[in-house]
Amino acid sequence: MQELLQQKPEIAAIFADLHPPFQAQAAVIEADRCLNCFDAPCTGACPTHIDVPRFIKKIASGNLHGAALGILDANILGASCARACPVEVLCEGACVMHGLNQQPIEIGRLQRFAMDDFHAQGGRLPRKSYENRPEKIACIGAGPASLAAAAELKQRGFQVTIFDKHPLPGGLNTYGIAEYKLPLLDSLREIELIKELGVDFRFGVEIGTKTSLAKLEAEFDIIFIGVGLGAMHKLAVTGDQQPRVTEALQLIEDYKTGKTTHIEGKVVVVGAGNTAIDAANAAKRLGAKEVSILYRRTRKHISAFDFEYRQALQEGIRFLWLTQLMAIRASSEGITSVECARMEIGSGGLLRPIEDSTFHLECSMVVSAIGQSPMLELLAQCRDVQLQQGRVVVDRATGQTTNPKYFAGGDCVNGGREVVDAVADGKRAGAAIARLLEVAYV
């Protein structure tokens, strides 16, 4: 994969860092601004509860290795979360500096500073036990939840195998997060640390049938489900089978893996969440002449974070509010336009099309970004694992499902949240599985 990206240097140039790293002197100055609060709200706002004041204090004193180990103790994917987390609404959003009318401490960039140094120095993950335990745990999916669970268990001496249908590990971290936030190679570099612990990765293996799950049950003591979400919802309009109709996550994956290096013409993105904005920004940076986001409600209803919306405006993305996609029109040469209708919000918040408001918007590519479906086909095959509204039902404290042999975490449980939430789920489940299996030794 590294060779592939090295052959496409234009991708790295187009998707340069959104938040460049600190230089050493700037990092120390920023760390010195931290008040090292005793009851730190930043730590409480982090789903993995990283001891933020402690690692920042270590940075200020020049102990970068200690800072990184403190981060990794709470969050095994501390490097990618430093880049991909919406810190504006998590740790930095809770910083007490807001109450002093000062800029919040740049916690994300400081965390990245410590983690970048850890990788540059060839740091390795510590073990919590040097005992080799015989119990075997299978993790389905190689995304953040499974990686966190696997690392926690392997550090405690258990035998862990991760299965994934893709050729690379990392899930959304590797394939679905915009390159200017988290480069693919940085995601893989972080996962190398987990491989070095001795976790066994088996790629190109799809677990999804009763037979394959029965084999896992026979071979492994515990199964952790960390499969995330499935395919994106279909647009379900006339013309949605055209070749240049694609899903937002597919567009992002294609340019991150070097399959797409240029986009021509005008692009329409349907949906206004964070993934929609990532796809729109990508299309624009890859050369699209014009990129429009269609959304059937108004700006105040979008699920994208405000800073993502403002970033899209800076990239030159156009938003069309109260606009509903009705059909995709095409000629023998491909997509020519989308047919839309103006909407209005009636009493009770109900949407309805405005009469005679139909119009056409010229474009040659349409991107669907209206949410993902749960992986019901797989989840329904997991024996005695209860689902509720397409999500796996778990004990929140342990991640254990209604079948005591199965645990679960991440998007297949929470319906789709941040990477850091999946990491927290995985670590919590890993610790609970370890406690359960260690009982046999008492």
Foldseek 3Di string as FASTA:
>chain_A
DVVLVVVVVVLCVLQAAPDDADDLVVLLVLLVVAPLDPPQQLLVQFLLSQSQNVLSVCSNVVNLQVSLLSQCVSFLPLQLCLQFPPSCVGNQVRACVVVVVDRGRSSSSSSNVSVVVCVVVVHAHAAPDPDADEAEEEEEAQAQLQLLLLQLQLSPRYAYEYEELAPAGHVCLQQPDQCNRHANVNSRSSSVNSVVSPYHYDYNDDQFALVSVVVCVVVHQAYEYEHAFAAFDQLPAAPSPFPQEEALSVQRRCVSSPNQQADEEEEEEEAAALSSLSSQLVNLSRPYPAYEYEYLADPVPHNHDPVSVVVSVVSVYHYDYNKRFHYFDADPVATFWTKIFGWDQDPPRDIDTDPPRIDIDGTRHYYYDHGTHGPCSRVVSNPQFDDDPQATDADQQAQAGRPNRYGYFDCSHVVDDDSSRSSSRSNSNSVNVVVVVCVVVD
